C-alpha atoms as a PDB file:
ATOM      1  CA  MET A   1    -125.161-143.286-222.523  1.00  0.00           C
ATOM      2  CA  GLU A   2    -121.613-141.415-221.678  1.00  0.00           C
ATOM      3  CA  VAL A   3    -120.129-141.485-217.662  1.00  0.00           C
ATOM      4  CA  ASP A   4    -118.909-138.204-216.621  1.00  0.00           C
ATOM      5  CA  ASN A   5    -116.333-139.093-213.518  1.00  0.00           C
ATOM      6  CA  GLY A   6    -116.684-135.802-212.730  1.00  0.00           C
ATOM      7  CA  HIS A   7    -114.366-133.448-210.469  1.00  0.00           C
ATOM      8  CA  TYR A   8    -112.989-130.630-212.038  1.00  0.00           C
ATOM      9  CA  VAL A   9    -110.252-127.515-211.373  1.00  0.00           C
ATOM     10  CA  TYR A  10    -110.808-124.804-212.866  1.00  0.00           C
ATOM     11  CA  ILE A  11    -109.044-121.291-212.912  1.00  0.00           C
ATOM     12  CA  TYR A  12    -109.840-117.751-213.514  1.00  0.00           C
ATOM     13  CA  ARG A  13    -106.844-115.951-215.159  1.00  0.00           C
ATOM     14  CA  ASN A  14    -106.100-111.748-215.846  1.00  0.00           C
ATOM     15  CA  GLN A  15    -106.239-111.719-219.490  1.00  0.00           C
ATOM     16  CA  ASN A  16    -103.537-109.380-219.395  1.00  0.00           C
ATOM     17  CA  ASN A  17    -101.433-110.341-217.200  1.00  0.00           C
ATOM     18  CA  ASP A  18    -102.221-113.914-216.530  1.00  0.00           C
ATOM     19  CA  LYS A  19    -102.278-113.943-212.821  1.00  0.00           C
ATOM     20  CA  VAL A  20    -104.604-116.327-211.438  1.00  0.00           C
ATOM     21  CA  ARG A  21    -107.809-114.397-209.567  1.00  0.00           C
ATOM     22  CA  TYR A  22    -109.407-117.538-208.388  1.00  0.00           C
ATOM     23  CA  VAL A  23    -110.124-121.062-208.417  1.00  0.00           C
ATOM     24  CA  GLY A  24    -112.408-123.360-207.575  1.00  0.00           C
ATOM     25  CA  ARG A  25    -113.655-126.988-208.042  1.00  0.00           C
ATOM     26  CA  GLY A  26    -117.222-128.532-208.945  1.00  0.00           C
ATOM     27  CA  LYS A  27    -118.461-132.175-209.771  1.00  0.00           C
ATOM     28  CA  LYS A  28    -119.158-131.236-213.326  1.00  0.00           C
ATOM     29  CA  ALA A  29    -116.845-128.685-215.775  1.00  0.00           C
ATOM     30  CA  THR A  30    -120.211-126.887-216.194  1.00  0.00           C
ATOM     31  CA  ARG A  31    -120.021-125.123-212.626  1.00  0.00           C
ATOM     32  CA  ALA A  32    -116.342-123.261-213.927  1.00  0.00           C
ATOM     33  CA  VAL A  33    -118.634-120.886-216.179  1.00  0.00           C
ATOM     34  CA  GLN A  34    -121.516-120.445-213.770  1.00  0.00           C
ATOM     35  CA  HIS A  35    -119.689-117.751-211.779  1.00  0.00           C
ATOM     36  CA  GLN A  36    -119.877-115.943-215.244  1.00  0.00           C
ATOM     37  CA  ASN A  37    -123.647-115.270-214.238  1.00  0.00           C
ATOM     38  CA  LYS A  38    -124.479-114.885-210.594  1.00  0.00           C
ATOM     39  CA  SER A  39    -121.314-116.282-208.027  1.00  0.00           C
ATOM     40  CA  HIS A  40    -121.599-116.921-203.948  1.00  0.00           C
ATOM     41  CA  ASN A  41    -118.635-114.824-204.346  1.00  0.00           C
ATOM     42  CA  LYS A  42    -119.284-111.373-204.729  1.00  0.00           C
ATOM     43  CA  ASN A  43    -116.129-109.582-205.535  1.00  0.00           C
ATOM     44  CA  LEU A  44    -115.037-112.707-208.162  1.00  0.00           C
ATOM     45  CA  GLU A  45    -118.970-111.975-209.659  1.00  0.00           C
ATOM     46  CA  ASP A  46    -118.134-107.764-209.932  1.00  0.00           C
ATOM     47  CA  TRP A  47    -114.449-108.861-211.488  1.00  0.00           C
ATOM     48  CA  LEU A  48    -115.632-110.870-213.886  1.00  0.00           C
ATOM     49  CA  GLN A  49    -118.152-108.428-215.415  1.00  0.00           C
ATOM     50  CA  LYS A  50    -115.852-105.491-215.376  1.00  0.00           C
ATOM     51  CA  ASN A  51    -112.758-107.504-216.682  1.00  0.00           C
ATOM     52  CA  LYS A  52    -111.176-110.048-219.304  1.00  0.00           C
ATOM     53  CA  TYR A  53    -109.948-112.883-218.256  1.00  0.00           C
ATOM     54  CA  LYS A  54    -108.867-116.474-219.004  1.00  0.00           C
ATOM     55  CA  LEU A  55    -111.095-119.493-217.871  1.00  0.00           C
ATOM     56  CA  GLU A  56    -108.584-122.507-217.746  1.00  0.00           C
ATOM     57  CA  ILE A  57    -110.015-126.219-216.507  1.00  0.00           C
ATOM     58  CA  SER A  58    -108.439-129.498-215.801  1.00  0.00           C
ATOM     59  CA  GLY A  59    -110.278-133.061-215.113  1.00  0.00           C
ATOM     60  CA  PRO A  60    -112.440-134.887-214.628  1.00  0.00           C
ATOM     61  CA  TYR A  61    -110.221-136.016-211.491  1.00  0.00           C
ATOM     62  CA  GLY A  62    -111.994-139.041-210.514  1.00  0.00           C
ATOM     63  CA  ASP A  63    -113.284-138.391-206.921  1.00  0.00           C
ATOM     64  CA  ASN A  64    -114.049-135.535-204.025  1.00  0.00           C
ATOM     65  CA  GLU A  65    -111.000-136.108-202.717  1.00  0.00           C
ATOM     66  CA  THR A  66    -108.458-135.830-205.379  1.00  0.00           C
ATOM     67  CA  VAL A  67    -109.816-132.909-206.300  1.00  0.00           C
ATOM     68  CA  ILE A  68    -110.140-131.111-203.376  1.00  0.00           C
ATOM     69  CA  ALA A  69    -106.071-131.514-202.656  1.00  0.00           C
ATOM     70  CA  VAL A  70    -105.866-130.175-206.354  1.00  0.00           C
ATOM     71  CA  GLU A  71    -108.420-127.248-205.673  1.00  0.00           C
ATOM     72  CA  SER A  72    -106.254-126.426-201.690  1.00  0.00           C
ATOM     73  CA  ALA A  73    -102.767-126.984-203.547  1.00  0.00           C
ATOM     74  CA  LEU A  74    -103.301-124.381-206.127  1.00  0.00           C
ATOM     75  CA  ILE A  75    -104.990-121.929-203.742  1.00  0.00           C
ATOM     76  CA  SER A  76    -102.325-122.104-201.004  1.00  0.00           C
ATOM     77  CA  ALA A  77     -99.231-122.184-203.922  1.00  0.00           C
ATOM     78  CA  LEU A  78    -100.904-119.197-206.033  1.00  0.00           C
ATOM     79  CA  ASN A  79    -102.877-117.520-203.321  1.00  0.00           C
ATOM     80  CA  PRO A  80    -105.623-116.187-206.002  1.00  0.00           C
ATOM     81  CA  ASP A  81    -107.312-112.645-204.947  1.00  0.00           C
ATOM     82  CA  PHE A  82    -110.892-113.716-205.264  1.00  0.00           C
ATOM     83  CA  ASN A  83    -110.179-117.083-202.737  1.00  0.00           C
ATOM     84  CA  MET A  84    -111.442-116.468-199.086  1.00  0.00           C
ATOM     85  CA  ARG A  85    -109.128-119.040-198.193  1.00  0.00           C
ATOM     86  CA  LYS A  86    -111.104-121.664-196.773  1.00  0.00           C
ATOM     87  CA  GLU A  87    -109.041-124.694-198.541  1.00  0.00           C
ATOM     88  CA  SER A  88    -108.381-127.967-196.759  1.00  0.00           C
ATOM     89  CA  THR A  89    -105.468-126.993-194.269  1.00  0.00           C
ATOM     90  CA  GLN A  90    -104.333-130.735-194.988  1.00  0.00           C
ATOM     91  CA  TYR A  91    -102.743-130.378-198.958  1.00  0.00           C
ATOM     92  CA  SER A  92    -101.843-126.224-198.476  1.00  0.00           C
ATOM     93  CA  PHE A  93     -98.791-125.617-199.009  1.00  0.00           C
ATOM     94  CA  ARG A  94     -96.648-124.793-195.649  1.00  0.00           C
ATOM     95  CA  PRO A  95     -93.425-124.848-194.016  1.00  0.00           C
ATOM     96  CA  LEU A  96     -92.122-128.735-193.534  1.00  0.00           C
ATOM     97  CA  GLY A  97     -93.204-129.608-189.822  1.00  0.00           C
ATOM     98  CA  VAL A  98     -96.009-126.949-188.797  1.00  0.00           C
ATOM     99  CA  PRO A  99     -98.565-129.297-187.445  1.00  0.00           C
ATOM    100  CA  ASN A 100    -102.352-128.562-189.704  1.00  0.00           C
ATOM    101  CA  LYS A 101    -104.101-127.011-186.734  1.00  0.00           C
ATOM    102  CA  TYR A 102    -101.302-123.799-186.598  1.00  0.00           C
ATOM    103  CA  VAL A 103    -101.199-123.837-191.056  1.00  0.00           C
ATOM    104  CA  SER A 104    -104.087-120.658-190.556  1.00  0.00           C
ATOM    105  CA  ARG A 105    -101.695-118.553-188.785  1.00  0.00           C
ATOM    106  CA  LEU A 106     -99.354-118.206-191.258  1.00  0.00           C
ATOM    107  CA  GLN A 107    -102.194-116.571-193.634  1.00  0.00           C
ATOM    108  CA  LYS A 108    -102.201-113.844-191.194  1.00  0.00           C
ATOM    109  CA  GLU A 109    -100.658-110.577-191.854  1.00  0.00           C
ATOM    110  CA  PRO A 110     -97.792-110.047-189.288  1.00  0.00           C
ATOM    111  CA  LEU A 111     -98.861-107.498-186.867  1.00  0.00           C
ATOM    112  CA  GLY A 112     -97.675-103.684-186.899  1.00  0.00           C
ATOM    113  CA  LEU A 113     -97.254-101.755-183.822  1.00  0.00           C
ATOM    114  CA  ASN A 114    -100.562 -99.945-183.776  1.00  0.00           C
ATOM    115  CA  GLU A 115    -101.799-103.785-182.884  1.00  0.00           C
ATOM    116  CA  LEU A 116     -99.274-104.550-181.028  1.00  0.00           C
ATOM    117  CA  PHE A 117    -100.319-101.746-178.783  1.00  0.00           C
ATOM    118  CA  LYS A 118    -104.170-101.406-179.418  1.00  0.00           C
ATOM    119  CA  ASN A 119    -106.831-101.472-176.364  1.00  0.00           C
ATOM    120  CA  ASN A 120    -103.778-100.390-173.638  1.00  0.00           C
ATOM    121  CA  THR A 121    -101.700-103.301-174.141  1.00  0.00           C
ATOM    122  CA  GLN A 122     -99.925-104.059-170.325  1.00  0.00           C
ATOM    123  CA  ARG A 123     -98.244-106.624-171.171  1.00  0.00           C
ATOM    124  CA  ILE A 124     -96.491-108.039-174.393  1.00  0.00           C
ATOM    125  CA  LEU A 125     -94.550-110.852-174.806  1.00  0.00           C
ATOM    126  CA  LEU A 126     -91.779-111.138-177.852  1.00  0.00           C
ATOM    127  CA  VAL A 127     -90.439-114.067-179.268  1.00  0.00           C
ATOM    128  CA  LYS A 128     -87.707-113.743-181.441  1.00  0.00           C
ATOM    129  CA  VAL A 129     -87.822-117.265-183.556  1.00  0.00           C
ATOM    130  CA  THR A 130     -84.363-117.962-184.750  1.00  0.00           C
ATOM    131  CA  ASP A 131     -82.347-121.577-186.581  1.00  0.00           C
ATOM    132  CA  LYS A 132     -78.691-120.202-185.040  1.00  0.00           C
ATOM    133  CA  LYS A 133     -77.670-121.225-181.576  1.00  0.00           C
ATOM    134  CA  LEU A 134     -77.242-118.487-178.992  1.00  0.00           C
ATOM    135  CA  ARG A 135     -74.021-117.667-177.493  1.00  0.00           C
ATOM    136  CA  ARG A 136     -74.208-117.203-174.109  1.00  0.00           C
END
């Protein structure tokens, strides 16, 4: 009897331009094809039904910790449209020195003027972050 060590990572790409649309993982390689019929991700499911795509599978990685690291790093680096950014921040790409607890802040869109002055904001603190020394 063959033993399947499992733990695979898979990528769905747009066939027309090779853009990575979704990165996932599963204990078996067959997990990757389950999205084609019914997916926990409705946007991905809709896209798969209407578009041509490529499916790439990598593994087996042998243990769950490794596959989580690979999936998280790919999501962080490729920023696929249909991932919901729930990957482990421990394995995310980020500027050197940013603590894990602040990584999710880097993924948020910058505030625009409308958001700054929404709800009759009375006080705003602006902080300029720079690596240059200030001259006095």
